[in-house]
Amino acid sequence: MRRRQMHMSDEAQAALLSALQELRTELKIPTKFPKRVLAAADEAVAKAQPPAEDRTDLPLFTIDPPTSKDLDQAMHLERRPGGGYRVHYAIADVAAFVEAGRPLDAEAHDRIETLYFPDLKVPLYPPVISEGPASLLPGQVVPALLWQHDLDAYGKVTASSVGRAKVCSQAKLNYQGVQQDIDAGTAQESIALLREIGKLREAVEADRGGISVNLPDQEVTLNDGTFRLSYVATLPVEGWNEQISLMTGMAAAQIMLDSGTGILRTQKETSDQNVVQRVHDIATSLGIDWQPGLTYAQLVRKLDPNDHKHMAFLSEATAMLLKAKYTVFRDHQIPDDKKHAAIAAPYAHCTAPLRRLVDRYTGELCVAACAGKAPPDWVLEALYCLPCDMERGKGKVADRDSVDLAEAAVLKNRVGEVFDVTIINTEKEAGSPKEGTAHLAEPAVMGKITSDTPLKLGASVRAELKRADPFFVGKQKVLFRAV
């Protein structure tokens, strides 16, 4: 990952640490597991039985951040003798350790997902499971849901299936190292194929009208006791890796649709013509050439997030896509809205069961369907509650609020200074945009901006920092005023 970092003063560090603790209290985040849950986890590890199917012969590898221990996915890529490719994709088998209706399951339904704060991680399952025998760490034999995808020479999936097997990952890799090896031509074939297959899958995505927007992320990290706020640019290998996950999610959705029972991740594209016209107006105002006949998805793929005008368009134009939700169906009552607009296909969350509750259920549904069996009763009993459960997840709030606090902390002693900012989002007030979002390159901050005169999307303006307070009660902990 490529980062532009901003270091914080000792005072800012202390303020951020205190504010993060207050945030967890406010969100009612359980940072510790109850004793009964920890005892249940120990018992589950002792009782877990490996699947009969042995696929420890597969030289699987994982790609994750270097410090990660809860590894959900491992893969092996190869060419098929008759042409095309075969992808083996192992997913952590959480159900091998978590029994429905028992303490571990109940706690997971309270937590919903793993939460990542700059100073600590709040896991969905106790580390004795999620960072132990359920994790696809190298060198240990673990139970997994093993997917097999066969692809043709153009990267299109011709067959997908999943079943239980014991597997053993051979290597724990990281994104930067894999990118360097692939670029240098020194990667082993299975790893090198990730670029070949990933690019083919990106082309398949483009053909079906899917959208991948890779805006730089703001990231707050804690290393050696020091917080750092930075913009993180996505490496190509991260996109190729994501294509394997997306392919599996689409295969899972189709398997569930064919079987008649499942839970999809769905998203509608807006039909509001006012919104559609506004997005076109935004492109025009930024000087972006949106040629007749070019779809929104095609335009997005032509843009460069490193161009501040393109970044402004991508930040603002997400209104074209509505909020995604979970959609349940049973007994072949297939929903009318079964697609995910950004992916341009039916899709399901199924590749991160150590970190997201719903994936344990989609995995079970797919395993049952591929085996020609009815779904387990415990899955059916929970199915219609899962959308509401997942809505209670606090991952996005925790991520966004953590960044907000870090922004305020790093600028805490600079109130009154004037900065050069770019307007990447605008909000209309009485017919003209006098509020919006300001993008500051150094430090890595995106904050609220107000103005006495209309703000122009994509414009560079001078702005005075009026507020930077991690403890401010309200959303706008950082506030600029155009000068």
Protein backbone atom coordinates (compact mmCIF):
# COMPACT_ATOMS: atom_id res chain seq x y z
CA MET A 1 0.00 0.00 0.00
CA ARG A 2 1.19 3.51 -0.76
CA ARG A 3 0.63 5.96 2.09
CA ARG A 4 1.03 9.66 2.74
CA GLN A 5 1.30 9.82 6.51
CA MET A 6 0.76 12.52 9.10
CA HIS A 7 2.29 12.00 12.54
CA MET A 8 0.49 13.34 15.61
CA SER A 9 1.86 15.26 18.56
CA ASP A 10 1.90 13.62 21.99
CA GLU A 11 -1.04 15.81 23.01
CA ALA A 12 -3.02 14.78 19.93
CA GLN A 13 -2.18 11.10 20.60
CA ALA A 14 -3.52 11.33 24.14
CA ALA A 15 -6.66 13.13 23.00
CA LEU A 16 -7.34 10.54 20.31
CA LEU A 17 -6.84 7.61 22.69
CA SER A 18 -9.27 9.15 25.20
CA ALA A 19 -11.80 9.96 22.46
CA LEU A 20 -11.65 6.40 21.10
CA GLN A 21 -12.39 5.01 24.54
CA GLU A 22 -15.37 7.39 24.82
CA LEU A 23 -16.56 6.29 21.35
CA ARG A 24 -16.60 2.62 22.36
CA THR A 25 -18.52 3.50 25.50
CA GLU A 26 -21.02 5.54 23.49
CA LEU A 27 -21.51 2.73 20.96
CA LYS A 28 -21.74 0.14 23.78
CA ILE A 29 -18.98 -1.96 22.28
CA PRO A 30 -18.20 -5.14 24.28
CA THR A 31 -14.40 -5.18 24.34
CA LYS A 32 -14.25 -8.37 26.42
CA PHE A 33 -15.99 -11.74 26.10
CA PRO A 34 -18.05 -13.06 29.04
CA LYS A 35 -16.44 -15.94 30.92
CA ARG A 36 -19.16 -18.36 29.80
CA VAL A 37 -18.40 -17.53 26.15
CA LEU A 38 -14.66 -18.01 26.63
CA ALA A 39 -15.35 -21.36 28.32
CA ALA A 40 -17.63 -22.36 25.44
CA ALA A 41 -14.89 -21.42 22.97
CA ASP A 42 -12.35 -23.63 24.75
CA GLU A 43 -14.86 -26.49 24.75
CA ALA A 44 -15.63 -25.99 21.06
CA VAL A 45 -11.96 -26.16 20.14
CA ALA A 46 -11.54 -29.38 22.11
CA LYS A 47 -14.62 -31.00 20.55
CA ALA A 48 -14.18 -29.90 16.90
CA GLN A 49 -13.85 -32.76 14.43
CA PRO A 50 -12.12 -32.35 11.04
CA PRO A 51 -14.09 -33.16 7.87
CA ALA A 52 -13.54 -36.51 6.20
CA GLU A 53 -12.48 -34.97 2.89
CA ASP A 54 -8.72 -34.36 2.92
CA ARG A 55 -7.43 -31.61 0.61
CA THR A 56 -4.25 -30.80 2.46
CA ASP A 57 -2.50 -31.56 -0.84
CA LEU A 58 -3.57 -28.15 -2.17
CA PRO A 59 -0.73 -25.60 -1.75
CA LEU A 60 -3.05 -22.81 -0.61
CA PHE A 61 -1.85 -19.31 0.24
CA THR A 62 -3.43 -16.31 1.95
CA ILE A 63 -3.02 -12.58 1.20
CA ASP A 64 -3.74 -10.31 4.14
CA PRO A 65 -2.23 -7.38 6.04
CA PRO A 66 0.99 -8.57 7.74
CA THR A 67 -0.42 -8.40 11.28
CA SER A 68 -3.70 -10.24 10.56
CA LYS A 69 -4.31 -13.51 12.39
CA ASP A 70 -8.02 -14.10 11.66
CA LEU A 71 -7.61 -15.36 8.10
CA ASP A 72 -10.91 -16.11 6.35
CA GLN A 73 -9.71 -17.04 2.86
CA ALA A 74 -6.94 -19.02 1.17
CA MET A 75 -6.60 -19.84 -2.51
CA HIS A 76 -4.82 -21.95 -5.08
CA LEU A 77 -4.90 -21.04 -8.79
CA GLU A 78 -3.96 -23.29 -11.67
CA ARG A 79 -4.40 -23.78 -15.39
CA ARG A 80 -6.70 -26.55 -16.57
CA PRO A 81 -5.16 -29.04 -19.02
CA GLY A 82 -7.91 -28.45 -21.58
CA GLY A 83 -7.67 -24.66 -21.31
CA GLY A 84 -9.00 -22.16 -18.84
CA TYR A 85 -8.40 -22.05 -15.10
CA ARG A 86 -9.33 -23.70 -11.83
CA VAL A 87 -9.59 -21.71 -8.60
CA HIS A 88 -9.72 -23.41 -5.22
CA TYR A 89 -10.90 -20.97 -2.58
CA ALA A 90 -10.98 -22.11 1.03
CA ILE A 91 -13.20 -20.24 3.49
CA ALA A 92 -12.91 -20.65 7.27
CA ASP A 93 -15.49 -23.15 8.55
CA VAL A 94 -16.82 -21.30 11.57
CA ALA A 95 -19.78 -23.66 11.96
CA ALA A 96 -17.32 -26.42 12.84
CA PHE A 97 -16.81 -24.56 16.14
CA VAL A 98 -20.01 -22.55 16.71
CA GLU A 99 -23.17 -24.46 17.59
CA ALA A 100 -26.51 -22.74 16.98
CA GLY A 101 -28.34 -21.60 20.10
CA ARG A 102 -25.30 -21.97 22.34
CA PRO A 103 -23.28 -19.18 24.05
CA LEU A 104 -20.86 -18.63 21.15
CA ASP A 105 -23.74 -18.25 18.70
CA ALA A 106 -25.70 -15.92 20.98
CA GLU A 107 -22.64 -13.72 21.51
CA ALA A 108 -22.03 -13.56 17.75
CA HIS A 109 -25.60 -12.41 17.19
CA ASP A 110 -24.96 -9.62 19.68
CA ARG A 111 -21.67 -8.56 18.09
CA ILE A 112 -22.64 -9.04 14.39
CA GLU A 113 -19.17 -8.27 13.02
CA THR A 114 -15.56 -7.72 13.92
CA LEU A 115 -14.84 -4.06 14.67
CA TYR A 116 -11.52 -2.43 13.90
CA PHE A 117 -10.43 0.58 15.93
CA PRO A 118 -7.00 2.17 15.52
CA ASP A 119 -5.93 1.02 18.98
CA LEU A 120 -7.64 -2.37 19.20
CA LYS A 121 -9.73 -4.99 17.40
CA VAL A 122 -13.06 -6.21 18.79
CA PRO A 123 -13.52 -9.69 17.29
CA LEU A 124 -16.76 -11.42 16.40
CA TYR A 125 -15.54 -14.72 17.92
CA PRO A 126 -13.02 -15.31 20.73
CA PRO A 127 -9.41 -15.31 19.48
CA VAL A 128 -8.93 -18.89 20.68
CA ILE A 129 -11.17 -19.74 17.70
CA SER A 130 -10.81 -16.85 15.24
CA GLU A 131 -7.02 -16.62 15.53
CA GLY A 132 -6.57 -20.33 16.23
CA PRO A 133 -7.95 -23.52 14.67
CA ALA A 134 -10.64 -21.74 12.61
CA SER A 135 -8.12 -19.39 10.98
CA LEU A 136 -6.38 -20.36 7.75
CA LEU A 137 -2.94 -19.70 9.20
CA PRO A 138 -0.03 -21.40 7.45
CA GLY A 139 1.09 -24.84 8.53
CA GLN A 140 -2.01 -25.90 10.45
CA VAL A 141 -4.67 -28.36 9.28
CA VAL A 142 -8.08 -26.72 9.65
CA PRO A 143 -11.68 -27.35 8.55
CA ALA A 144 -12.82 -25.22 5.62
CA LEU A 145 -15.57 -24.71 3.10
CA LEU A 146 -13.63 -25.43 -0.07
CA TRP A 147 -14.93 -23.77 -3.23
CA GLN A 148 -13.94 -24.95 -6.69
CA HIS A 149 -14.48 -22.58 -9.62
CA ASP A 150 -13.76 -23.65 -13.19
CA LEU A 151 -13.22 -20.78 -15.62
CA ASP A 152 -12.86 -20.70 -19.37
CA ALA A 153 -9.99 -19.01 -21.20
CA TYR A 154 -11.80 -15.64 -20.96
CA GLY A 155 -12.27 -15.83 -17.19
CA LYS A 156 -15.96 -16.69 -17.27
CA VAL A 157 -17.14 -19.20 -14.67
CA THR A 158 -18.37 -22.48 -16.17
CA ALA A 159 -18.96 -24.36 -12.90
CA SER A 160 -18.82 -23.71 -9.16
CA SER A 161 -19.29 -25.96 -6.16
CA VAL A 162 -18.43 -26.01 -2.45
CA GLY A 163 -18.03 -28.70 0.18
CA ARG A 164 -16.34 -29.34 3.50
CA ALA A 165 -12.69 -30.39 3.59
CA LYS A 166 -9.66 -30.15 5.79
CA VAL A 167 -6.98 -27.96 4.27
CA CYS A 168 -3.56 -26.58 5.12
CA SER A 169 -2.37 -23.20 3.90
CA GLN A 170 1.29 -23.16 2.91
CA ALA A 171 2.05 -19.44 2.98
CA LYS A 172 0.83 -16.22 4.60
CA LEU A 173 1.51 -13.43 2.10
CA ASN A 174 0.86 -9.69 2.17
CA TYR A 175 -0.37 -7.39 -0.59
CA GLN A 176 2.78 -5.34 -1.04
CA GLY A 177 5.04 -8.40 -1.21
CA VAL A 178 2.78 -10.19 -3.70
CA GLN A 179 2.58 -7.07 -5.87
CA GLN A 180 6.36 -6.75 -5.91
CA ASP A 181 6.87 -10.44 -6.77
CA ILE A 182 4.29 -10.37 -9.56
CA ASP A 183 5.72 -7.15 -11.03
CA ALA A 184 9.27 -8.57 -10.87
CA GLY A 185 8.20 -11.85 -12.47
CA THR A 186 9.47 -13.86 -9.49
CA ALA A 187 6.11 -15.06 -8.15
CA GLN A 188 5.27 -18.76 -8.21
CA GLU A 189 2.78 -19.71 -10.93
CA SER A 190 -0.23 -20.04 -8.64
CA ILE A 191 0.45 -16.56 -7.29
CA ALA A 192 1.36 -15.07 -10.67
CA LEU A 193 -1.97 -16.35 -12.06
CA LEU A 194 -3.77 -13.98 -9.70
CA ARG A 195 -2.92 -11.11 -12.05
CA GLU A 196 -3.95 -13.07 -15.16
CA ILE A 197 -7.24 -14.28 -13.71
CA GLY A 198 -7.89 -11.01 -11.88
CA LYS A 199 -7.59 -8.97 -15.07
CA LEU A 200 -9.85 -11.38 -16.93
CA ARG A 201 -12.43 -11.10 -14.16
CA GLU A 202 -12.17 -7.29 -14.30
CA ALA A 203 -12.95 -7.51 -18.01
CA VAL A 204 -15.92 -9.79 -17.28
CA GLU A 205 -17.07 -7.23 -14.70
CA ALA A 206 -16.84 -4.45 -17.27
CA ASP A 207 -18.84 -6.49 -19.81
CA ARG A 208 -21.71 -7.06 -17.38
CA GLY A 209 -21.73 -3.38 -16.28
CA GLY A 210 -20.25 -3.80 -12.81
CA ILE A 211 -18.63 -0.90 -10.98
CA SER A 212 -15.41 -0.87 -8.96
CA VAL A 213 -14.54 2.50 -7.45
CA ASN A 214 -11.10 2.55 -5.84
CA LEU A 215 -10.95 5.88 -4.06
CA PRO A 216 -8.01 6.33 -1.68
CA ASP A 217 -9.06 5.35 1.84
CA GLN A 218 -8.34 7.29 4.98
CA GLU A 219 -6.70 5.01 7.49
CA VAL A 220 -5.76 5.43 11.13
CA THR A 221 -3.12 2.99 12.39
CA LEU A 222 -1.28 2.47 15.66
CA ASN A 223 2.32 1.29 15.35
CA ASP A 224 4.89 1.28 18.16
CA GLY A 225 2.54 3.35 20.29
CA THR A 226 2.13 6.06 17.64
CA PHE A 227 -1.07 6.89 15.75
CA ARG A 228 -0.77 7.74 12.07
CA LEU A 229 -3.41 9.21 9.75
CA SER A 230 -2.90 8.54 6.06
CA TYR A 231 -4.47 8.13 2.63
CA VAL A 232 -4.06 4.59 1.33
CA ALA A 233 -3.99 3.98 -2.42
CA THR A 234 -5.21 0.55 -3.56
CA LEU A 235 -2.66 -1.76 -5.14
CA PRO A 236 -3.66 -3.66 -8.31
CA VAL A 237 -3.26 -6.98 -6.47
CA GLU A 238 -5.96 -5.92 -4.01
CA GLY A 239 -8.38 -5.54 -6.92
CA TRP A 240 -7.42 -8.93 -8.36
CA ASN A 241 -7.85 -10.54 -4.95
CA GLU A 242 -11.24 -8.85 -4.59
CA GLN A 243 -12.30 -10.34 -7.92
CA ILE A 244 -11.84 -13.86 -6.52
CA SER A 245 -14.03 -12.95 -3.55
CA LEU A 246 -16.66 -11.32 -5.78
CA MET A 247 -16.68 -14.36 -8.06
CA THR A 248 -17.35 -16.58 -5.05
CA GLY A 249 -20.10 -14.27 -3.76
CA MET A 250 -21.82 -14.35 -7.15
CA ALA A 251 -21.50 -18.13 -7.33
CA ALA A 252 -23.00 -18.43 -3.84
CA ALA A 253 -25.93 -16.23 -4.84
CA GLN A 254 -26.63 -18.32 -7.92
CA ILE A 255 -26.41 -21.60 -5.99
CA MET A 256 -28.92 -20.27 -3.44
CA LEU A 257 -31.23 -18.94 -6.17
CA ASP A 258 -31.16 -22.34 -7.92
CA SER A 259 -31.86 -24.15 -4.64
CA GLY A 260 -34.74 -21.80 -3.77
CA THR A 261 -33.52 -20.65 -0.34
CA GLY A 262 -31.00 -17.99 0.54
CA ILE A 263 -29.99 -14.52 1.63
CA LEU A 264 -28.62 -12.08 -0.94
CA ARG A 265 -26.85 -8.74 -0.70
CA THR A 266 -29.01 -6.57 -2.97
CA GLN A 267 -28.82 -2.99 -4.17
CA LYS A 268 -31.06 -0.97 -6.48
CA GLU A 269 -29.93 1.62 -8.96
CA THR A 270 -31.85 4.84 -8.54
CA SER A 271 -34.70 5.49 -10.97
CA ASP A 272 -35.04 9.09 -9.78
CA GLN A 273 -34.46 11.14 -12.91
CA ASN A 274 -33.55 14.18 -10.82
CA VAL A 275 -30.66 12.22 -9.30
CA VAL A 276 -29.59 10.92 -12.71
CA GLN A 277 -29.65 14.44 -14.16
CA ARG A 278 -27.70 15.79 -11.18
CA VAL A 279 -24.93 13.25 -11.74
CA HIS A 280 -24.71 14.31 -15.39
CA ASP A 281 -24.65 17.96 -14.30
CA ILE A 282 -21.80 17.20 -11.89
CA ALA A 283 -19.76 15.66 -14.72
CA THR A 284 -20.40 18.71 -16.89
CA SER A 285 -19.42 21.15 -14.14
CA LEU A 286 -16.16 19.27 -13.58
CA GLY A 287 -15.31 19.15 -17.28
CA ILE A 288 -15.64 15.37 -17.45
CA ASP A 289 -16.53 14.20 -20.95
CA TRP A 290 -19.56 11.91 -20.52
CA GLN A 291 -20.17 10.91 -24.10
CA PRO A 292 -23.66 9.88 -25.29
CA GLY A 293 -24.24 6.14 -24.96
CA LEU A 294 -21.59 5.75 -22.24
CA THR A 295 -23.07 4.19 -19.12
CA TYR A 296 -22.27 5.34 -15.60
CA ALA A 297 -20.27 2.15 -14.99
CA GLN A 298 -18.26 2.66 -18.18
CA LEU A 299 -17.53 6.26 -17.25
CA VAL A 300 -16.35 5.33 -13.74
CA ARG A 301 -13.81 2.88 -15.17
CA LYS A 302 -12.30 5.66 -17.29
CA LEU A 303 -11.67 7.96 -14.32
CA ASP A 304 -8.50 8.36 -12.26
CA PRO A 305 -9.13 8.77 -8.49
CA ASN A 306 -5.78 10.59 -8.22
CA ASP A 307 -7.20 13.43 -10.34
CA HIS A 308 -8.95 15.74 -7.85
CA LYS A 309 -11.80 16.50 -10.29
CA HIS A 310 -12.37 12.79 -10.90
CA MET A 311 -12.22 12.14 -7.17
CA ALA A 312 -14.84 14.85 -6.63
CA PHE A 313 -17.13 13.24 -9.21
CA LEU A 314 -16.71 9.76 -7.74
CA SER A 315 -17.34 11.04 -4.21
CA GLU A 316 -20.49 12.91 -5.23
CA ALA A 317 -21.91 10.51 -7.81
CA THR A 318 -22.37 7.59 -5.43
CA ALA A 319 -25.95 8.86 -5.18
CA MET A 320 -26.58 6.86 -8.35
CA LEU A 321 -26.49 3.75 -6.16
CA LEU A 322 -28.88 3.26 -3.27
CA LYS A 323 -28.05 1.65 0.06
CA ALA A 324 -27.46 -2.09 -0.13
CA LYS A 325 -29.54 -4.46 1.99
CA TYR A 326 -29.99 -8.16 2.74
CA THR A 327 -32.84 -9.95 0.98
CA VAL A 328 -34.11 -13.34 2.21
CA PHE A 329 -36.12 -15.87 0.18
CA ARG A 330 -37.43 -19.40 0.75
CA ASP A 331 -39.39 -22.12 -1.01
CA HIS A 332 -38.43 -20.81 -4.46
CA GLN A 333 -40.17 -17.47 -3.83
CA ILE A 334 -37.46 -15.61 -5.72
CA PRO A 335 -37.48 -11.83 -5.07
CA ASP A 336 -38.00 -9.42 -7.94
CA ASP A 337 -34.97 -7.40 -6.85
CA LYS A 338 -32.24 -10.00 -6.65
CA LYS A 339 -29.28 -8.10 -8.11
CA HIS A 340 -26.61 -5.89 -6.61
CA ALA A 341 -26.46 -2.79 -8.82
CA ALA A 342 -22.76 -2.05 -8.33
CA ILE A 343 -21.83 -5.67 -9.07
CA ALA A 344 -24.47 -5.99 -11.81
CA ALA A 345 -25.35 -9.54 -10.77
CA PRO A 346 -26.90 -11.48 -7.88
CA TYR A 347 -24.41 -11.50 -5.03
CA ALA A 348 -24.06 -12.81 -1.47
CA HIS A 349 -21.71 -12.23 1.45
CA CYS A 350 -20.00 -15.56 2.09
CA THR A 351 -16.21 -15.11 2.19
CA ALA A 352 -15.60 -13.55 5.64
CA PRO A 353 -17.30 -15.73 8.27
CA LEU A 354 -14.72 -14.96 10.97
CA ARG A 355 -15.56 -11.28 10.67
CA ARG A 356 -19.21 -11.13 9.57
CA LEU A 357 -22.16 -13.06 11.03
CA VAL A 358 -24.21 -13.65 7.88
CA ASP A 359 -21.42 -15.47 6.03
CA ARG A 360 -21.71 -18.51 8.31
CA TYR A 361 -25.31 -18.95 7.12
CA THR A 362 -24.72 -18.44 3.41
CA GLY A 363 -21.88 -20.94 3.56
CA GLU A 364 -24.14 -23.58 5.12
CA LEU A 365 -26.86 -22.97 2.53
CA CYS A 366 -24.40 -23.41 -0.34
CA VAL A 367 -22.81 -26.56 1.13
CA ALA A 368 -26.26 -28.12 1.60
CA ALA A 369 -27.39 -27.17 -1.91
CA CYS A 370 -24.24 -28.59 -3.55
CA ALA A 371 -24.70 -31.83 -1.58
CA GLY A 372 -28.34 -32.07 -2.67
CA LYS A 373 -29.55 -31.73 0.92
CA ALA A 374 -32.09 -29.52 2.64
CA PRO A 375 -30.68 -26.55 4.58
CA PRO A 376 -30.03 -27.22 8.29
CA ASP A 377 -32.94 -26.29 10.57
CA TRP A 378 -30.77 -23.85 12.55
CA VAL A 379 -30.11 -21.88 9.37
CA LEU A 380 -33.78 -21.73 8.38
CA GLU A 381 -34.82 -20.68 11.90
CA ALA A 382 -32.46 -17.68 11.82
CA LEU A 383 -32.83 -16.73 8.16
CA TYR A 384 -35.52 -14.06 8.37
CA CYS A 385 -33.87 -12.43 11.40
CA LEU A 386 -30.50 -12.01 9.69
CA PRO A 387 -31.27 -8.77 7.78
CA CYS A 388 -32.26 -7.02 11.02
CA ASP A 389 -29.29 -8.54 12.83
CA MET A 390 -26.89 -7.28 10.18
CA GLU A 391 -28.44 -3.80 10.27
CA ARG A 392 -27.37 -3.60 13.91
CA GLY A 393 -23.72 -4.00 12.93
CA LYS A 394 -21.55 -1.07 13.95
CA GLY A 395 -18.56 -1.59 11.66
CA LYS A 396 -19.15 1.34 9.33
CA VAL A 397 -19.94 3.70 12.21
CA ALA A 398 -16.82 2.60 14.09
CA ASP A 399 -14.63 3.08 11.01
CA ARG A 400 -16.01 6.49 10.10
CA ASP A 401 -16.09 7.83 13.65
CA SER A 402 -12.53 6.64 14.30
CA VAL A 403 -11.31 8.56 11.27
CA ASP A 404 -13.32 11.63 12.34
CA LEU A 405 -11.66 11.54 15.75
CA ALA A 406 -8.20 11.16 14.22
CA GLU A 407 -8.80 14.10 11.87
CA ALA A 408 -9.83 16.30 14.78
CA ALA A 409 -6.90 15.15 16.91
CA VAL A 410 -4.25 15.79 14.26
CA LEU A 411 -5.59 19.32 13.61
CA LYS A 412 -6.39 20.08 17.25
CA ASN A 413 -3.69 22.76 17.68
CA ARG A 414 -4.10 24.32 14.23
CA VAL A 415 -7.47 26.08 14.59
CA GLY A 416 -7.28 29.47 12.88
CA GLU A 417 -4.79 28.35 10.22
CA VAL A 418 -5.68 28.64 6.53
CA PHE A 419 -5.31 25.58 4.26
CA ASP A 420 -5.56 24.84 0.54
CA VAL A 421 -8.47 22.39 0.11
CA THR A 422 -10.41 20.81 -2.75
CA ILE A 423 -14.21 20.69 -2.75
CA ILE A 424 -15.16 17.03 -3.31
CA ASN A 425 -18.80 17.18 -2.27
CA THR A 426 -21.45 19.89 -2.10
CA GLU A 427 -24.77 20.30 -0.31
CA LYS A 428 -27.40 22.68 -1.63
CA GLU A 429 -28.83 25.30 0.66
CA ALA A 430 -31.59 27.58 -0.69
CA GLY A 431 -30.74 26.57 -4.24
CA SER A 432 -26.97 27.08 -4.14
CA PRO A 433 -24.24 24.92 -2.58
CA LYS A 434 -22.82 26.73 0.43
CA GLU A 435 -21.82 23.63 2.38
CA GLY A 436 -19.80 20.63 1.38
CA THR A 437 -16.78 18.44 2.02
CA ALA A 438 -13.23 19.73 1.84
CA HIS A 439 -10.36 17.40 0.91
CA LEU A 440 -7.03 18.23 2.49
CA ALA A 441 -3.98 16.40 1.15
CA GLU A 442 -1.67 16.99 4.11
CA PRO A 443 -2.67 15.94 6.71
CA ALA A 444 -5.08 13.32 5.34
CA VAL A 445 -8.34 15.03 6.27
CA MET A 446 -11.81 15.35 4.74
CA GLY A 447 -13.96 17.77 6.71
CA LYS A 448 -17.08 19.89 6.55
CA ILE A 449 -16.75 23.28 4.85
CA THR A 450 -19.13 26.23 4.79
CA SER A 451 -19.06 29.37 2.69
CA ASP A 452 -20.87 32.68 2.25
CA THR A 453 -20.72 32.19 -1.52
CA PRO A 454 -21.58 29.11 -3.61
CA LEU A 455 -19.00 26.34 -3.56
CA LYS A 456 -17.94 24.85 -6.87
CA LEU A 457 -17.40 21.11 -6.99
CA GLY A 458 -13.80 20.24 -7.78
CA ALA A 459 -12.54 23.75 -7.05
CA SER A 460 -9.43 24.51 -5.02
CA VAL A 461 -10.13 27.09 -2.34
CA ARG A 462 -8.49 28.62 0.71
CA ALA A 463 -10.22 27.70 3.94
CA GLU A 464 -9.75 28.60 7.58
CA LEU A 465 -9.94 25.81 10.14
CA LYS A 466 -12.69 26.90 12.53
CA ARG A 467 -12.99 23.76 14.65
CA ALA A 468 -10.95 20.61 15.35
CA ASP A 469 -12.24 19.00 18.52
CA PRO A 470 -12.28 15.21 19.10
CA PHE A 471 -14.71 15.73 21.98
CA PHE A 472 -17.19 17.94 20.11
CA VAL A 473 -20.71 16.59 20.56
CA GLY A 474 -21.91 16.21 17.00
CA LYS A 475 -20.76 14.90 13.65
CA GLN A 476 -18.73 17.89 12.48
CA LYS A 477 -15.65 17.55 14.67
CA VAL A 478 -13.64 19.26 11.92
CA LEU A 479 -15.05 22.41 10.32
CA PHE A 480 -13.56 24.69 7.67
CA ARG A 481 -14.79 28.07 6.47
CA ALA A 482 -13.98 29.27 2.95
CA VAL A 483 -12.08 32.59 2.91
